[in-house]
Amino acid sequence: MSSQLAPIRPSRPARAPALHPFVLLNVAMTADAKIATATRRTTTFGSPQDRKHLYELRSTVDAILCGARTLIETGATLGNGGRRFDQRRTAAGLSRYPVRVLVTGTGSIPSHAPVWARKWGPIIVLTTANAGGKALARLRRNADWVKVYPDDGIDFADALAWLRCEFGIRRIVSEGGGELNDALIRSRLVDEINITWCPWVFGGQAAPTLSDGIGFPTLAQAAQFRLHSATPAGSELFLVYRAKPGPEAR
């Protein structure tokens, strides 16, 4: 793949608003709020219904956002789910495959990662100068576009506005992991959280949760959501939370 625009052809609309896409988080978590075991040997544990729900969500978005560690540990390729969901995307007026947006602060996605081999939706990488020259060169050989932020971190508000203005991405789903979710939530960028609550208990302080990373220091500063729906499915519970409007709402 080239680091040039093709096959992505971003265009700035005549009236491009400086807005962010609608951002969803999608996660399967255990009864004790873990998204993987402490060893990270188990990262996928939802039912077939949960898998179907994941592809249903993907069929409604322009892009999928995924962190490097999650991508590597799960071997994700971020596809559209096959013909059934391909048809849903077409009926909704979306491109056949969602754009794949990969996040890596250090450029750690190797060239043998399965995501590169699947010539599905275009791949955009968000990274930082901490990645270094060799890693950046590797990313540019594999991705369609690489956006580099200073070494103090990725500005997700800027990145999401850029994705909307340059590539027309109006709806995006983040599939983790916990540190990426935390960064999006702390930046007040998350509009909806979809949770599959699964009948497992992993335990362990080192086991990752829905939102790891820095977090909020006080309750008053914490992001607030309201329950939109709760749907039982066998032994699982599908929960949808919507962000509560506040002074920081965009």
C-alpha atoms as a PDB file:
ATOM      1  CA  MET A   1       0.000   0.000   0.000  1.00  0.00           C
ATOM      2  CA  SER A   2       1.061   3.572  -0.549  1.00  0.00           C
ATOM      3  CA  SER A   3       1.255   6.345   2.016  1.00  0.00           C
ATOM      4  CA  GLN A   4      -0.444   8.598  -0.513  1.00  0.00           C
ATOM      5  CA  LEU A   5      -4.174   9.268  -0.678  1.00  0.00           C
ATOM      6  CA  ALA A   6      -5.266   6.397  -2.918  1.00  0.00           C
ATOM      7  CA  PRO A   7      -7.574   4.605  -2.466  1.00  0.00           C
ATOM      8  CA  ILE A   8      -8.816   7.211   0.041  1.00  0.00           C
ATOM      9  CA  ARG A   9      -9.850  10.373  -1.720  1.00  0.00           C
ATOM     10  CA  PRO A  10     -10.614  12.930   0.972  1.00  0.00           C
ATOM     11  CA  SER A  11     -12.503  15.991  -0.110  1.00  0.00           C
ATOM     12  CA  ARG A  12     -13.500  19.026   1.887  1.00  0.00           C
ATOM     13  CA  PRO A  13     -17.195  19.863   1.356  1.00  0.00           C
ATOM     14  CA  ALA A  14     -18.067  23.439   0.459  1.00  0.00           C
ATOM     15  CA  ARG A  15     -19.610  23.892   3.897  1.00  0.00           C
ATOM     16  CA  ALA A  16     -17.518  21.626   6.102  1.00  0.00           C
ATOM     17  CA  PRO A  17     -18.565  22.137   9.737  1.00  0.00           C
ATOM     18  CA  ALA A  18     -15.842  21.878  12.375  1.00  0.00           C
ATOM     19  CA  LEU A  19     -17.678  19.032  14.116  1.00  0.00           C
ATOM     20  CA  HIS A  20     -16.748  15.586  15.312  1.00  0.00           C
ATOM     21  CA  PRO A  21     -18.315  12.343  14.138  1.00  0.00           C
ATOM     22  CA  PHE A  22     -20.898  10.669  16.361  1.00  0.00           C
ATOM     23  CA  VAL A  23     -18.708   8.406  18.513  1.00  0.00           C
ATOM     24  CA  LEU A  24     -19.817   5.022  19.842  1.00  0.00           C
ATOM     25  CA  LEU A  25     -17.885   2.688  22.104  1.00  0.00           C
ATOM     26  CA  ASN A  26     -18.596  -1.012  21.767  1.00  0.00           C
ATOM     27  CA  VAL A  27     -17.333  -3.482  24.347  1.00  0.00           C
ATOM     28  CA  ALA A  28     -18.080  -6.902  25.793  1.00  0.00           C
ATOM     29  CA  MET A  29     -17.279  -7.043  29.494  1.00  0.00           C
ATOM     30  CA  THR A  30     -17.621  -9.517  32.337  1.00  0.00           C
ATOM     31  CA  ALA A  31     -19.839  -9.123  35.384  1.00  0.00           C
ATOM     32  CA  ASP A  32     -16.831  -7.568  37.154  1.00  0.00           C
ATOM     33  CA  ALA A  33     -16.261  -5.103  34.278  1.00  0.00           C
ATOM     34  CA  LYS A  34     -13.201  -6.791  32.732  1.00  0.00           C
ATOM     35  CA  ILE A  35     -12.659  -6.807  28.974  1.00  0.00           C
ATOM     36  CA  ALA A  36      -9.872  -9.445  29.070  1.00  0.00           C
ATOM     37  CA  THR A  37      -8.126 -11.664  31.580  1.00  0.00           C
ATOM     38  CA  ALA A  38      -5.115 -10.358  33.516  1.00  0.00           C
ATOM     39  CA  THR A  39      -2.822 -12.313  31.181  1.00  0.00           C
ATOM     40  CA  ARG A  40      -4.784 -11.041  28.143  1.00  0.00           C
ATOM     41  CA  ARG A  41      -4.890 -14.608  26.849  1.00  0.00           C
ATOM     42  CA  THR A  42      -8.670 -14.339  26.764  1.00  0.00           C
ATOM     43  CA  THR A  43      -9.873 -11.267  24.885  1.00  0.00           C
ATOM     44  CA  THR A  44     -12.975 -12.653  23.151  1.00  0.00           C
ATOM     45  CA  PHE A  45     -15.691 -14.245  25.257  1.00  0.00           C
ATOM     46  CA  GLY A  46     -19.062 -12.944  24.066  1.00  0.00           C
ATOM     47  CA  SER A  47     -21.767 -15.134  22.575  1.00  0.00           C
ATOM     48  CA  PRO A  48     -22.727 -15.407  18.896  1.00  0.00           C
ATOM     49  CA  GLN A  49     -25.394 -12.772  19.661  1.00  0.00           C
ATOM     50  CA  ASP A  50     -22.653 -10.417  20.841  1.00  0.00           C
ATOM     51  CA  ARG A  51     -20.684 -11.063  17.657  1.00  0.00           C
ATOM     52  CA  LYS A  52     -23.790 -10.317  15.590  1.00  0.00           C
ATOM     53  CA  HIS A  53     -24.329  -7.110  17.551  1.00  0.00           C
ATOM     54  CA  LEU A  54     -20.740  -6.042  16.793  1.00  0.00           C
ATOM     55  CA  TYR A  55     -21.283  -6.440  13.050  1.00  0.00           C
ATOM     56  CA  GLU A  56     -24.672  -4.728  13.261  1.00  0.00           C
ATOM     57  CA  LEU A  57     -22.988  -1.700  14.812  1.00  0.00           C
ATOM     58  CA  ARG A  58     -20.225  -1.773  12.205  1.00  0.00           C
ATOM     59  CA  SER A  59     -22.877  -1.762   9.477  1.00  0.00           C
ATOM     60  CA  THR A  60     -24.073   1.667  10.702  1.00  0.00           C
ATOM     61  CA  VAL A  61     -20.747   3.517  10.764  1.00  0.00           C
ATOM     62  CA  ASP A  62     -18.349   5.123   8.332  1.00  0.00           C
ATOM     63  CA  ALA A  63     -15.264   4.019  10.282  1.00  0.00           C
ATOM     64  CA  ILE A  64     -13.921   1.709  12.997  1.00  0.00           C
ATOM     65  CA  LEU A  65     -11.394   2.983  15.557  1.00  0.00           C
ATOM     66  CA  CYS A  66      -9.071   0.478  17.229  1.00  0.00           C
ATOM     67  CA  GLY A  67      -5.987   0.682  19.435  1.00  0.00           C
ATOM     68  CA  ALA A  68      -2.779  -1.120  18.537  1.00  0.00           C
ATOM     69  CA  ARG A  69      -2.707  -3.468  21.532  1.00  0.00           C
ATOM     70  CA  THR A  70      -6.271  -4.652  20.953  1.00  0.00           C
ATOM     71  CA  LEU A  71      -5.553  -5.054  17.257  1.00  0.00           C
ATOM     72  CA  ILE A  72      -2.463  -7.187  17.893  1.00  0.00           C
ATOM     73  CA  GLU A  73      -3.882  -9.288  20.743  1.00  0.00           C
ATOM     74  CA  THR A  74      -7.104 -10.166  18.931  1.00  0.00           C
ATOM     75  CA  GLY A  75      -5.739 -10.376  15.386  1.00  0.00           C
ATOM     76  CA  ALA A  76      -8.619  -8.134  14.303  1.00  0.00           C
ATOM     77  CA  THR A  77      -8.969  -7.202  10.650  1.00  0.00           C
ATOM     78  CA  LEU A  78     -11.980  -4.877  11.144  1.00  0.00           C
ATOM     79  CA  GLY A  79     -14.119  -6.143   8.292  1.00  0.00           C
ATOM     80  CA  ASN A  80     -17.788  -5.534   7.538  1.00  0.00           C
ATOM     81  CA  GLY A  81     -19.065  -8.957   8.641  1.00  0.00           C
ATOM     82  CA  GLY A  82     -19.731 -10.486   5.257  1.00  0.00           C
ATOM     83  CA  ARG A  83     -22.487 -10.354   2.640  1.00  0.00           C
ATOM     84  CA  ARG A  84     -25.419  -9.898   5.021  1.00  0.00           C
ATOM     85  CA  PHE A  85     -23.925  -6.799   6.608  1.00  0.00           C
ATOM     86  CA  ASP A  86     -22.446  -5.669   3.310  1.00  0.00           C
ATOM     87  CA  GLN A  87     -26.012  -5.405   2.034  1.00  0.00           C
ATOM     88  CA  ARG A  88     -27.033  -3.397   5.102  1.00  0.00           C
ATOM     89  CA  ARG A  89     -24.270  -0.901   4.432  1.00  0.00           C
ATOM     90  CA  THR A  90     -25.271  -0.555   0.809  1.00  0.00           C
ATOM     91  CA  ALA A  91     -28.935  -0.055   1.744  1.00  0.00           C
ATOM     92  CA  ALA A  92     -27.900   2.670   4.202  1.00  0.00           C
ATOM     93  CA  GLY A  93     -25.911   4.474   1.534  1.00  0.00           C
ATOM     94  CA  LEU A  94     -22.554   3.658   3.096  1.00  0.00           C
ATOM     95  CA  SER A  95     -19.413   2.444   1.358  1.00  0.00           C
ATOM     96  CA  ARG A  96     -19.041  -1.325   1.165  1.00  0.00           C
ATOM     97  CA  TYR A  97     -16.328  -1.379   3.833  1.00  0.00           C
ATOM     98  CA  PRO A  98     -15.787   0.963   6.776  1.00  0.00           C
ATOM     99  CA  VAL A  99     -12.600   3.010   6.951  1.00  0.00           C
ATOM    100  CA  ARG A 100     -10.204   1.462   9.499  1.00  0.00           C
ATOM    101  CA  VAL A 101      -8.570   3.957  11.874  1.00  0.00           C
ATOM    102  CA  LEU A 102      -5.705   2.485  13.910  1.00  0.00           C
ATOM    103  CA  VAL A 103      -4.250   4.201  16.971  1.00  0.00           C
ATOM    104  CA  THR A 104      -0.662   3.632  18.081  1.00  0.00           C
ATOM    105  CA  GLY A 105       1.354   6.076  20.137  1.00  0.00           C
ATOM    106  CA  THR A 106       4.620   4.225  19.503  1.00  0.00           C
ATOM    107  CA  GLY A 107       4.061   2.757  16.031  1.00  0.00           C
ATOM    108  CA  SER A 108       3.965  -0.777  17.442  1.00  0.00           C
ATOM    109  CA  ILE A 109       1.767  -2.420  14.779  1.00  0.00           C
ATOM    110  CA  PRO A 110       4.025  -4.943  12.997  1.00  0.00           C
ATOM    111  CA  SER A 111       4.017  -5.504   9.242  1.00  0.00           C
ATOM    112  CA  HIS A 112       2.726  -9.059   9.745  1.00  0.00           C
ATOM    113  CA  ALA A 113      -0.433  -7.911  11.563  1.00  0.00           C
ATOM    114  CA  PRO A 114      -3.467  -9.490   9.829  1.00  0.00           C
ATOM    115  CA  VAL A 115      -5.154  -6.108   9.374  1.00  0.00           C
ATOM    116  CA  TRP A 116      -2.673  -5.120   6.632  1.00  0.00           C
ATOM    117  CA  ALA A 117      -3.314  -8.262   4.588  1.00  0.00           C
ATOM    118  CA  ARG A 118      -7.053  -7.640   4.195  1.00  0.00           C
ATOM    119  CA  LYS A 119      -7.631  -5.209   1.353  1.00  0.00           C
ATOM    120  CA  TRP A 120     -10.938  -4.007   2.726  1.00  0.00           C
ATOM    121  CA  GLY A 121     -11.630  -0.475   3.895  1.00  0.00           C
ATOM    122  CA  PRO A 122      -8.792   2.049   3.657  1.00  0.00           C
ATOM    123  CA  ILE A 123      -6.492   2.255   6.685  1.00  0.00           C
ATOM    124  CA  ILE A 124      -5.644   5.498   8.479  1.00  0.00           C
ATOM    125  CA  VAL A 125      -3.095   5.479  11.304  1.00  0.00           C
ATOM    126  CA  LEU A 126      -3.050   8.018  14.132  1.00  0.00           C
ATOM    127  CA  THR A 127       0.333   8.060  15.835  1.00  0.00           C
ATOM    128  CA  THR A 128       2.941  10.311  17.481  1.00  0.00           C
ATOM    129  CA  ALA A 129       6.527  11.368  16.927  1.00  0.00           C
ATOM    130  CA  ASN A 130       7.442   8.867  19.664  1.00  0.00           C
ATOM    131  CA  ALA A 131       7.073   6.143  17.057  1.00  0.00           C
ATOM    132  CA  GLY A 132      10.443   7.066  15.573  1.00  0.00           C
ATOM    133  CA  GLY A 133      11.624   7.062  11.977  1.00  0.00           C
ATOM    134  CA  LYS A 134      11.725   3.316  11.336  1.00  0.00           C
ATOM    135  CA  ALA A 135       8.267   2.662  12.763  1.00  0.00           C
ATOM    136  CA  LEU A 136       6.779   5.606  10.888  1.00  0.00           C
ATOM    137  CA  ALA A 137       8.312   4.373   7.648  1.00  0.00           C
ATOM    138  CA  ARG A 138       6.818   0.907   8.269  1.00  0.00           C
ATOM    139  CA  LEU A 139       3.391   2.382   8.967  1.00  0.00           C
ATOM    140  CA  ARG A 140       3.530   4.507   5.801  1.00  0.00           C
ATOM    141  CA  ARG A 141       4.413   1.434   3.721  1.00  0.00           C
ATOM    142  CA  ASN A 142       1.323  -0.372   4.975  1.00  0.00           C
ATOM    143  CA  ALA A 143      -1.308   2.294   5.594  1.00  0.00           C
ATOM    144  CA  ASP A 144      -3.131   4.572   3.196  1.00  0.00           C
ATOM    145  CA  TRP A 145      -2.605   7.587   5.418  1.00  0.00           C
ATOM    146  CA  VAL A 146      -0.532   8.286   8.539  1.00  0.00           C
ATOM    147  CA  LYS A 147      -1.236  11.324  10.731  1.00  0.00           C
ATOM    148  CA  VAL A 148       1.563  12.106  13.192  1.00  0.00           C
ATOM    149  CA  TYR A 149       1.049  14.123  16.370  1.00  0.00           C
ATOM    150  CA  PRO A 150       3.795  15.503  18.638  1.00  0.00           C
ATOM    151  CA  ASP A 151       5.364  13.144  21.158  1.00  0.00           C
ATOM    152  CA  ASP A 152       3.100  14.402  23.958  1.00  0.00           C
ATOM    153  CA  GLY A 153       0.184  12.401  22.561  1.00  0.00           C
ATOM    154  CA  ILE A 154      -2.680  12.214  20.084  1.00  0.00           C
ATOM    155  CA  ASP A 155      -5.206  15.053  20.194  1.00  0.00           C
ATOM    156  CA  PHE A 156      -8.384  13.040  19.677  1.00  0.00           C
ATOM    157  CA  ALA A 157     -10.656  16.062  19.349  1.00  0.00           C
ATOM    158  CA  ASP A 158      -8.481  17.305  16.498  1.00  0.00           C
ATOM    159  CA  ALA A 159      -8.176  13.819  14.991  1.00  0.00           C
ATOM    160  CA  LEU A 160     -11.924  13.227  14.941  1.00  0.00           C
ATOM    161  CA  ALA A 161     -12.622  16.676  13.469  1.00  0.00           C
ATOM    162  CA  TRP A 162      -9.984  15.937  10.805  1.00  0.00           C
ATOM    163  CA  LEU A 163     -11.588  12.583   9.994  1.00  0.00           C
ATOM    164  CA  ARG A 164     -14.948  14.251   9.531  1.00  0.00           C
ATOM    165  CA  CYS A 165     -13.764  17.220   7.484  1.00  0.00           C
ATOM    166  CA  GLU A 166     -11.244  15.403   5.298  1.00  0.00           C
ATOM    167  CA  PHE A 167     -12.869  12.009   4.854  1.00  0.00           C
ATOM    168  CA  GLY A 168     -16.556  12.666   5.514  1.00  0.00           C
ATOM    169  CA  ILE A 169     -16.676  10.337   8.524  1.00  0.00           C
ATOM    170  CA  ARG A 170     -19.865  11.176  10.412  1.00  0.00           C
ATOM    171  CA  ARG A 171     -20.233   8.086  12.575  1.00  0.00           C
ATOM    172  CA  ILE A 172     -17.411   6.019  14.089  1.00  0.00           C
ATOM    173  CA  VAL A 173     -17.283   3.083  16.502  1.00  0.00           C
ATOM    174  CA  SER A 174     -14.353   2.533  18.858  1.00  0.00           C
ATOM    175  CA  GLU A 175     -13.595  -1.081  19.693  1.00  0.00           C
ATOM    176  CA  GLY A 176     -10.981  -0.408  22.377  1.00  0.00           C
ATOM    177  CA  GLY A 177      -9.016  -1.121  24.277  1.00  0.00           C
ATOM    178  CA  GLY A 178      -9.410   0.443  27.671  1.00  0.00           C
ATOM    179  CA  GLU A 179      -6.772   3.156  27.302  1.00  0.00           C
ATOM    180  CA  LEU A 180      -8.222   4.362  23.997  1.00  0.00           C
ATOM    181  CA  ASN A 181     -11.713   4.371  25.528  1.00  0.00           C
ATOM    182  CA  ASP A 182     -10.396   6.362  28.493  1.00  0.00           C
ATOM    183  CA  ALA A 183      -8.806   8.975  26.241  1.00  0.00           C
ATOM    184  CA  LEU A 184     -12.042   9.421  24.278  1.00  0.00           C
ATOM    185  CA  ILE A 185     -14.205   9.600  27.399  1.00  0.00           C
ATOM    186  CA  ARG A 186     -11.900  12.087  29.168  1.00  0.00           C
ATOM    187  CA  SER A 187     -11.970  14.239  26.040  1.00  0.00           C
ATOM    188  CA  ARG A 188     -15.815  14.278  26.217  1.00  0.00           C
ATOM    189  CA  LEU A 189     -16.012  12.812  22.733  1.00  0.00           C
ATOM    190  CA  VAL A 190     -18.147   9.717  23.373  1.00  0.00           C
ATOM    191  CA  ASP A 191     -21.828   9.982  22.466  1.00  0.00           C
ATOM    192  CA  GLU A 192     -22.922   6.404  23.124  1.00  0.00           C
ATOM    193  CA  ILE A 193     -21.597   3.301  24.884  1.00  0.00           C
ATOM    194  CA  ASN A 194     -22.759  -0.172  23.836  1.00  0.00           C
ATOM    195  CA  ILE A 195     -21.984  -2.856  26.415  1.00  0.00           C
ATOM    196  CA  THR A 196     -22.536  -6.590  26.257  1.00  0.00           C
ATOM    197  CA  TRP A 197     -22.574  -7.672  29.889  1.00  0.00           C
ATOM    198  CA  CYS A 198     -21.408 -11.297  29.940  1.00  0.00           C
ATOM    199  CA  PRO A 199     -21.841 -13.995  32.626  1.00  0.00           C
ATOM    200  CA  TRP A 200     -18.159 -14.347  33.514  1.00  0.00           C
ATOM    201  CA  VAL A 201     -15.953 -13.136  36.371  1.00  0.00           C
ATOM    202  CA  PHE A 202     -12.250 -12.791  35.513  1.00  0.00           C
ATOM    203  CA  GLY A 203     -11.007 -10.939  38.583  1.00  0.00           C
ATOM    204  CA  GLY A 204      -7.470  -9.652  38.942  1.00  0.00           C
ATOM    205  CA  GLN A 205      -6.240  -6.104  39.454  1.00  0.00           C
ATOM    206  CA  ALA A 206      -4.196  -6.303  36.253  1.00  0.00           C
ATOM    207  CA  ALA A 207      -7.167  -7.319  34.089  1.00  0.00           C
ATOM    208  CA  PRO A 208      -8.134  -4.454  31.744  1.00  0.00           C
ATOM    209  CA  THR A 209     -11.481  -2.719  32.103  1.00  0.00           C
ATOM    210  CA  LEU A 210     -13.761  -0.734  29.817  1.00  0.00           C
ATOM    211  CA  SER A 211     -11.874   2.484  30.616  1.00  0.00           C
ATOM    212  CA  ASP A 212      -8.270   2.216  31.796  1.00  0.00           C
ATOM    213  CA  GLY A 213      -5.584   4.861  31.546  1.00  0.00           C
ATOM    214  CA  ILE A 214      -5.686   8.133  33.490  1.00  0.00           C
ATOM    215  CA  GLY A 215      -9.352   8.321  34.450  1.00  0.00           C
ATOM    216  CA  PHE A 216     -11.064  11.093  36.410  1.00  0.00           C
ATOM    217  CA  PRO A 217      -9.816  12.232  39.829  1.00  0.00           C
ATOM    218  CA  THR A 218     -13.241  13.067  41.304  1.00  0.00           C
ATOM    219  CA  LEU A 219     -16.910  12.198  40.896  1.00  0.00           C
ATOM    220  CA  ALA A 220     -17.714  15.794  39.994  1.00  0.00           C
ATOM    221  CA  GLN A 221     -15.375  15.604  36.992  1.00  0.00           C
ATOM    222  CA  ALA A 222     -16.500  12.177  35.776  1.00  0.00           C
ATOM    223  CA  ALA A 223     -18.283  11.768  32.455  1.00  0.00           C
ATOM    224  CA  GLN A 224     -21.996  11.076  32.880  1.00  0.00           C
ATOM    225  CA  PHE A 225     -24.209   8.830  30.777  1.00  0.00           C
ATOM    226  CA  ARG A 226     -27.858   7.812  30.984  1.00  0.00           C
ATOM    227  CA  LEU A 227     -29.293   4.379  30.329  1.00  0.00           C
ATOM    228  CA  HIS A 228     -31.024   4.330  26.956  1.00  0.00           C
ATOM    229  CA  SER A 229     -31.921   0.641  26.699  1.00  0.00           C
ATOM    230  CA  ALA A 230     -31.332  -2.720  28.365  1.00  0.00           C
ATOM    231  CA  THR A 231     -32.081  -5.855  26.351  1.00  0.00           C
ATOM    232  CA  PRO A 232     -31.588  -9.387  27.760  1.00  0.00           C
ATOM    233  CA  ALA A 233     -30.308 -12.020  25.345  1.00  0.00           C
ATOM    234  CA  GLY A 234     -29.862 -15.433  26.921  1.00  0.00           C
ATOM    235  CA  SER A 235     -27.351 -15.046  29.742  1.00  0.00           C
ATOM    236  CA  GLU A 236     -26.132 -11.701  28.441  1.00  0.00           C
ATOM    237  CA  LEU A 237     -27.491  -8.192  28.764  1.00  0.00           C
ATOM    238  CA  PHE A 238     -27.104  -5.602  26.016  1.00  0.00           C
ATOM    239  CA  LEU A 239     -26.880  -2.094  27.446  1.00  0.00           C
ATOM    240  CA  VAL A 240     -26.864   1.220  25.608  1.00  0.00           C
ATOM    241  CA  TYR A 241     -25.846   4.414  27.405  1.00  0.00           C
ATOM    242  CA  ARG A 242     -26.097   7.905  25.923  1.00  0.00           C
ATOM    243  CA  ALA A 243     -23.981  10.856  27.012  1.00  0.00           C
ATOM    244  CA  LYS A 244     -25.817  13.300  29.261  1.00  0.00           C
ATOM    245  CA  PRO A 245     -25.862  16.852  27.906  1.00  0.00           C
ATOM    246  CA  GLY A 246     -23.604  19.187  29.824  1.00  0.00           C
ATOM    247  CA  PRO A 247     -21.658  22.424  29.547  1.00  0.00           C
ATOM    248  CA  GLU A 248     -18.975  20.609  27.567  1.00  0.00           C
ATOM    249  CA  ALA A 249     -21.442  19.068  25.082  1.00  0.00           C
ATOM    250  CA  ARG A 250     -20.673  19.914  21.516  1.00  0.00           C
END
